[in-house]
N, C-alpha and C. Protein backbone atom coordinates (compact mmCIF):
# COMPACT_ATOMS: atom_id res chain seq x y z
N UNK A 1 15.89 4.49 5.30
CA UNK A 1 15.95 2.91 5.73
C UNK A 1 15.38 1.99 5.03
N UNK A 2 15.58 0.53 4.58
CA UNK A 2 15.27 -0.24 3.88
C UNK A 2 14.33 -0.94 4.67
N UNK A 3 12.64 -1.11 4.06
CA UNK A 3 11.98 -1.88 5.13
C UNK A 3 11.84 -3.31 4.14
N UNK A 4 11.26 -4.37 4.79
CA UNK A 4 10.60 -5.79 3.56
C UNK A 4 9.12 -6.09 4.32
N UNK A 5 8.59 -6.34 3.01
CA UNK A 5 7.42 -6.40 3.14
C UNK A 5 6.39 -7.82 2.64
N UNK A 6 5.10 -7.75 2.89
CA UNK A 6 5.28 -9.22 2.39
C UNK A 6 3.42 -9.36 2.65
N UNK A 7 2.85 -9.83 1.70
CA UNK A 7 1.62 -10.50 1.77
C UNK A 7 1.33 -11.65 2.96
N UNK A 8 -0.07 -12.23 3.41
CA UNK A 8 0.29 -12.77 3.97
C UNK A 8 0.92 -14.35 4.20
N UNK A 9 0.35 -14.69 2.68
CA UNK A 9 0.93 -16.24 2.57
C UNK A 9 2.33 -15.66 1.88
N UNK A 10 2.68 -14.63 1.73
CA UNK A 10 4.25 -14.16 1.62
C UNK A 10 4.75 -14.75 -0.10
N UNK A 11 3.43 -15.15 -1.06
CA UNK A 11 3.56 -14.65 -2.67
C UNK A 11 4.44 -13.78 -2.80
N UNK A 12 3.45 -12.31 -2.16
CA UNK A 12 4.31 -11.00 -2.78
C UNK A 12 4.96 -10.79 -2.00
N UNK A 13 6.20 -10.27 -2.28
CA UNK A 13 7.48 -9.84 -1.13
C UNK A 13 7.98 -8.76 -2.27
N UNK A 14 8.31 -7.72 -1.02
CA UNK A 14 9.11 -6.46 -1.84
C UNK A 14 9.87 -5.66 -1.02
N UNK A 15 10.34 -4.92 -1.06
CA UNK A 15 11.55 -3.71 -0.55
C UNK A 15 11.03 -2.30 -0.79
N UNK A 16 11.17 -1.63 -0.03
CA UNK A 16 11.24 -0.26 -0.33
C UNK A 16 12.30 0.36 0.55
N UNK A 17 12.66 1.99 0.56
CA UNK A 17 13.65 2.72 1.12
C UNK A 17 12.97 3.90 1.31
N UNK A 18 13.06 4.42 2.39
CA UNK A 18 12.47 5.65 2.77
C UNK A 18 13.00 6.02 4.00
N UNK A 19 12.85 7.60 4.52
CA UNK A 19 13.00 7.69 5.96
C UNK A 19 12.51 6.97 6.90
N UNK A 20 12.60 6.69 8.30
CA UNK A 20 12.18 5.84 9.04
C UNK A 20 10.88 6.23 9.37
N UNK A 21 9.67 5.18 9.01
CA UNK A 21 8.36 5.65 9.17
C UNK A 21 7.93 6.04 10.70
N UNK A 22 6.94 7.01 10.89
CA UNK A 22 6.33 7.42 11.74
C UNK A 22 5.03 7.81 11.87
N UNK A 23 4.77 7.92 10.49
CA UNK A 23 3.23 8.50 10.60
C UNK A 23 2.96 7.71 9.40
N UNK A 24 1.56 8.27 9.30
CA UNK A 24 0.53 6.67 8.08
C UNK A 24 -0.58 7.72 8.02
N UNK A 25 -1.24 6.93 6.73
CA UNK A 25 -2.61 7.83 6.26
C UNK A 25 -3.62 6.77 6.88
N UNK A 26 -5.14 7.08 6.96
CA UNK A 26 -5.75 6.13 6.97
C UNK A 26 -6.92 7.10 6.16
N UNK A 27 -7.79 6.31 4.81
CA UNK A 27 -8.73 6.79 4.06
C UNK A 27 -10.40 6.47 5.10
N UNK A 28 -10.98 7.28 4.45
CA UNK A 28 -12.49 6.63 4.54
C UNK A 28 -13.55 6.29 3.60
N UNK A 29 -12.71 6.20 2.44
CA UNK A 29 -13.59 6.15 1.26
C UNK A 29 -14.33 4.61 1.35
N UNK A 30 -14.80 4.25 0.48
CA UNK A 30 -15.44 3.10 0.61
C UNK A 30 -14.79 1.79 0.79
N UNK A 31 -13.70 1.66 -0.66
CA UNK A 31 -12.50 0.63 -0.54
C UNK A 31 -11.43 1.20 0.55
N UNK A 32 -11.04 1.74 1.37
CA UNK A 32 -10.33 2.10 1.88
C UNK A 32 -10.54 1.99 3.56
N UNK A 33 -12.10 1.86 3.85
CA UNK A 33 -12.72 1.71 5.10
C UNK A 33 -12.83 0.04 5.11
N UNK A 34 -13.10 -0.02 3.72
CA UNK A 34 -13.26 -1.87 4.05
C UNK A 34 -12.14 -2.54 4.07
N UNK A 35 -10.83 -2.39 3.39
CA UNK A 35 -9.51 -2.92 3.75
C UNK A 35 -9.16 -2.68 5.32
N UNK A 36 -9.52 -1.63 5.60
CA UNK A 36 -8.87 -1.10 7.01
C UNK A 36 -7.50 -1.02 7.02
N UNK A 37 -6.52 -0.68 6.21
CA UNK A 37 -5.12 -0.41 5.53
C UNK A 37 -4.95 0.91 5.97
N UNK A 38 -3.69 0.56 6.51
CA UNK A 38 -2.99 1.55 7.05
C UNK A 38 -1.66 1.86 6.13
N UNK A 39 -1.93 3.02 5.31
CA UNK A 39 -0.99 3.09 4.19
C UNK A 39 0.04 4.48 4.87
N UNK A 40 1.38 3.87 3.55
CA UNK A 40 2.12 5.24 3.73
C UNK A 40 1.82 6.63 3.33
N UNK A 41 2.09 7.65 4.29
CA UNK A 41 2.09 8.86 4.11
C UNK A 41 2.06 9.36 2.93
N UNK A 42 3.67 8.93 2.32
CA UNK A 42 4.15 9.54 0.86
C UNK A 42 4.01 8.28 -0.07
N UNK A 43 4.31 8.77 -1.21
CA UNK A 43 4.34 7.77 -2.30
C UNK A 43 5.97 6.92 -2.43
N UNK A 44 6.11 6.16 -2.89
CA UNK A 44 7.38 5.59 -3.01
C UNK A 44 8.03 5.84 -4.30
N UNK A 45 8.77 5.91 -4.45
CA UNK A 45 9.15 6.34 -6.07
C UNK A 45 9.90 4.99 -6.79
N UNK A 46 9.90 5.11 -7.61
CA UNK A 46 10.34 3.55 -8.04
C UNK A 46 11.70 3.15 -8.02
N UNK A 47 12.40 4.27 -8.17
CA UNK A 47 14.06 3.76 -7.53
C UNK A 47 14.04 3.42 -6.22
N UNK A 48 12.78 3.06 -5.58
CA UNK A 48 13.07 3.06 -4.11
C UNK A 48 12.65 2.03 -3.50
N UNK A 49 11.59 0.93 -4.78
CA UNK A 49 10.53 0.22 -4.45
C UNK A 49 11.19 -1.09 -5.58
N UNK A 50 10.92 -2.27 -4.94
CA UNK A 50 11.58 -3.50 -5.34
C UNK A 50 11.21 -4.78 -5.18
N UNK A 51 10.05 -5.13 -6.00
CA UNK A 51 9.39 -6.39 -5.99
C UNK A 51 10.07 -7.43 -6.16
N UNK A 52 10.48 -8.13 -5.37
CA UNK A 52 10.89 -9.47 -4.98
C UNK A 52 10.55 -10.73 -5.37
N UNK A 53 9.20 -10.77 -5.69
CA UNK A 53 8.86 -12.05 -5.83
C UNK A 53 7.43 -11.83 -6.09
N UNK A 54 6.25 -12.79 -7.03
CA UNK A 54 5.03 -12.20 -6.49
C UNK A 54 4.43 -11.50 -7.73
N UNK A 55 4.89 -10.99 -8.93
CA UNK A 55 4.63 -10.47 -9.97
C UNK A 55 3.41 -11.19 -10.37
N UNK A 56 3.28 -12.67 -10.50
CA UNK A 56 2.23 -13.68 -11.26
C UNK A 56 1.31 -13.73 -10.47
N UNK A 57 1.23 -13.54 -8.81
CA UNK A 57 0.04 -13.39 -8.05
C UNK A 57 -0.45 -12.53 -7.90
N UNK A 58 -0.05 -10.88 -8.04
CA UNK A 58 -0.81 -9.82 -8.47
C UNK A 58 -1.98 -9.57 -8.97
N UNK A 59 -3.40 -9.20 -8.62
CA UNK A 59 -4.23 -8.56 -9.34
C UNK A 59 -4.32 -7.39 -9.20
N UNK A 60 -5.22 -6.62 -9.80
CA UNK A 60 -5.32 -5.02 -9.72
C UNK A 60 -7.33 -5.27 -9.87
N UNK A 61 -7.27 -4.31 -8.84
CA UNK A 61 -8.97 -3.95 -8.63
C UNK A 61 -8.71 -2.23 -8.50
N UNK A 62 -9.71 -1.94 -9.70
CA UNK A 62 -10.06 -0.80 -10.12
C UNK A 62 -11.73 -0.46 -9.68
N UNK A 63 -12.14 0.63 -9.22
CA UNK A 63 -13.55 0.97 -9.27
C UNK A 63 -13.44 2.59 -9.54
N UNK A 64 -14.52 3.09 -9.76
CA UNK A 64 -15.01 4.50 -9.53
C UNK A 64 -14.52 4.71 -11.15
N UNK A 65 -13.88 6.10 -10.75
CA UNK A 65 -13.08 6.20 -11.76
C UNK A 65 -11.90 5.97 -11.98
N UNK A 66 -11.47 4.76 -12.18
CA UNK A 66 -10.45 3.75 -12.26
C UNK A 66 -8.93 4.38 -12.55
N UNK A 67 -8.87 5.30 -11.43
CA UNK A 67 -7.54 6.17 -11.12
C UNK A 67 -6.41 5.88 -10.51
N UNK A 68 -6.95 4.31 -9.87
CA UNK A 68 -6.13 4.02 -8.70
C UNK A 68 -5.88 2.90 -8.98
N UNK A 69 -5.19 1.98 -8.87
CA UNK A 69 -4.72 0.78 -9.30
C UNK A 69 -4.80 -0.25 -7.87
N UNK A 70 -5.44 -0.84 -7.00
CA UNK A 70 -5.44 -1.33 -5.94
C UNK A 70 -5.15 -2.76 -6.23
N UNK A 71 -3.60 -3.11 -6.08
CA UNK A 71 -3.13 -4.09 -6.06
C UNK A 71 -3.15 -5.29 -4.65
N UNK A 72 -3.61 -6.61 -5.29
CA UNK A 72 -3.79 -7.35 -4.31
C UNK A 72 -3.35 -8.91 -4.30
N UNK A 73 -2.64 -9.64 -3.68
CA UNK A 73 -2.43 -11.16 -3.95
C UNK A 73 -3.41 -12.13 -4.21
N UNK A 74 -3.76 -12.58 -5.31
CA UNK A 74 -4.64 -13.52 -5.91
C UNK A 74 -4.80 -14.99 -5.16
N UNK A 75 -3.55 -14.91 -4.17
CA UNK A 75 -4.10 -16.17 -3.33
C UNK A 75 -4.31 -16.01 -1.76
N UNK A 76 -3.55 -14.71 -1.07
CA UNK A 76 -4.55 -14.58 0.07
C UNK A 76 -5.12 -13.60 0.23
N UNK A 77 -5.52 -12.95 -0.70
CA UNK A 77 -6.59 -11.36 -0.89
C UNK A 77 -5.94 -10.06 -0.04
N UNK A 78 -4.35 -10.17 0.35
CA UNK A 78 -4.21 -8.94 1.01
C UNK A 78 -3.75 -8.06 0.03
N UNK A 79 -4.06 -6.89 0.58
CA UNK A 79 -3.39 -5.31 -0.29
C UNK A 79 -2.43 -4.88 0.01
N UNK A 80 -0.94 -5.07 -0.72
CA UNK A 80 0.14 -4.57 -0.54
C UNK A 80 0.49 -3.45 -0.64
N UNK A 81 -0.05 -2.92 -1.75
CA UNK A 81 0.37 -1.29 -2.34
C UNK A 81 -0.94 -0.79 -3.39
N UNK A 82 -0.44 0.36 -3.38
CA UNK A 82 -1.32 0.49 -4.92
C UNK A 82 -0.73 1.59 -5.25
N UNK A 83 -1.01 2.21 -6.95
CA UNK A 83 -0.45 3.57 -7.61
C UNK A 83 -1.43 3.96 -8.16
N UNK A 84 -1.05 5.01 -9.05
CA UNK A 84 -1.97 5.88 -9.74
C UNK A 84 -2.06 5.91 -11.12
N UNK A 85 -2.85 5.79 -11.88
CA UNK A 85 -2.74 6.26 -13.56
C UNK A 85 -2.01 7.74 -13.60
N UNK A 86 -1.69 8.51 -12.99
CA UNK A 86 -1.31 9.70 -12.82
C UNK A 86 0.17 9.41 -12.60
N UNK A 87 0.73 8.97 -11.41
CA UNK A 87 1.76 8.61 -11.26
C UNK A 87 2.21 7.19 -11.05
N UNK A 88 2.07 6.30 -12.22
CA UNK A 88 2.11 4.90 -12.03
C UNK A 88 3.73 4.67 -11.75
N UNK A 89 3.93 3.25 -10.83
CA UNK A 89 5.07 3.10 -10.19
C UNK A 89 5.59 3.67 -8.92
N UNK A 90 4.98 4.49 -8.47
CA UNK A 90 5.00 5.25 -7.14
C UNK A 90 3.87 4.94 -6.47
N UNK A 91 4.77 3.98 -5.42
CA UNK A 91 3.49 3.17 -4.69
C UNK A 91 3.39 3.87 -3.48
N UNK A 92 2.07 3.59 -3.07
CA UNK A 92 1.56 4.06 -1.63
C UNK A 92 1.23 2.89 -1.05
N UNK A 93 2.36 2.27 0.25
CA UNK A 93 2.48 0.90 0.98
C UNK A 93 0.97 0.84 1.85
N UNK A 94 0.91 -0.44 2.10
CA UNK A 94 0.15 -0.72 3.05
C UNK A 94 0.84 -1.42 4.33
N UNK A 95 1.12 -0.54 5.28
CA UNK A 95 2.30 -0.47 6.32
C UNK A 95 1.88 -1.44 7.00
N UNK A 96 0.89 -2.36 6.80
CA UNK A 96 0.32 -3.40 7.80
C UNK A 96 1.06 -4.62 7.15
N UNK A 97 1.50 -4.80 5.76
CA UNK A 97 2.34 -5.79 5.39
C UNK A 97 3.87 -5.86 5.98
N UNK A 98 4.47 -4.51 6.76
CA UNK A 98 5.95 -4.57 7.11
C UNK A 98 6.03 -5.05 8.11
N UNK A 99 7.09 -6.34 8.00
CA UNK A 99 6.60 -6.89 9.23
C UNK A 99 7.55 -6.26 10.63
N UNK A 100 8.41 -5.69 10.41
CA UNK A 100 9.46 -4.77 11.48
C UNK A 100 8.40 -3.66 11.76
N UNK A 101 7.75 -3.62 11.55
CA UNK A 101 6.66 -1.81 11.70
C UNK A 101 5.55 -2.38 12.71
N UNK A 102 5.22 -1.66 13.66
CA UNK A 102 4.32 -1.73 14.51
C UNK A 102 3.67 -0.66 14.05
N UNK A 103 2.42 -0.99 13.50
CA UNK A 103 1.97 0.43 13.28
C UNK A 103 0.54 0.97 13.91
N UNK A 104 0.47 0.61 15.23
CA UNK A 104 -0.41 1.20 16.57
C UNK A 104 0.39 1.95 17.22
N UNK A 105 1.61 2.15 16.55
CA UNK A 105 2.49 3.41 17.01
C UNK A 105 2.95 4.32 16.17
N UNK A 106 2.13 4.42 15.00
CA UNK A 106 2.31 5.39 14.33
C UNK A 106 1.47 6.66 14.40
N UNK A 107 1.81 7.65 14.23
CA UNK A 107 0.59 9.12 13.87
C UNK A 107 -0.21 9.00 12.95
N UNK A 108 -1.28 9.21 12.86
CA UNK A 108 -2.03 8.79 11.54
C UNK A 108 -3.09 10.38 11.09
N UNK A 109 -2.51 10.58 10.28
CA UNK A 109 -3.05 11.45 9.32
C UNK A 109 -4.45 10.94 8.80
N UNK A 110 -5.54 11.62 8.99
CA UNK A 110 -6.74 10.69 8.45
C UNK A 110 -7.49 11.62 6.83
N UNK A 111 -7.66 10.99 6.32
CA UNK A 111 -7.93 11.80 5.11
C UNK A 111 -9.39 11.33 4.39
N UNK A 112 -10.36 12.33 4.64
CA UNK A 112 -11.61 12.20 4.34
C UNK A 112 -12.02 11.85 2.41
N UNK A 113 -11.53 10.61 2.26
CA UNK A 113 -12.00 10.10 0.32
C UNK A 113 -13.11 10.00 0.17
N UNK A 114 -14.14 10.04 1.18
CA UNK A 114 -15.57 9.87 0.93
C UNK A 114 -16.42 10.88 0.29
N UNK A 115 -15.62 12.21 0.93
CA UNK A 115 -16.33 13.22 0.38
C UNK A 115 -15.25 13.68 -0.98
N UNK A 116 -14.11 13.68 -0.62
CA UNK A 116 -13.51 14.21 -1.89
C UNK A 116 -13.39 13.63 -2.97
N UNK A 117 -14.07 12.46 -3.59
CA UNK A 117 -13.93 11.69 -4.79
C UNK A 117 -14.39 12.31 -6.14
């Protein structure tokens, strides 16, 4: 399936392809719990991800060991996706940014990032 997503102000817009999304991931580490993001269970490969608009609006936040690039819109502050230094270009998507997806109906897997850092 092809999904369309964007930040709140729509300065950042992107598409990605994957099988139908029925599940998600939530992490309890300090940054994820504060963002309250509902993330894609799997990473999206570079050939299945296209940034349509907004490269200039994206900023990156890194913390701790700086192995995750948390991208966010510098206009509205929304976090649409992230990648890691170990697999750059493979994105985990904030599913709350996907307009046609109701994240309250997804089966959520919880990851204990707070104790696995």
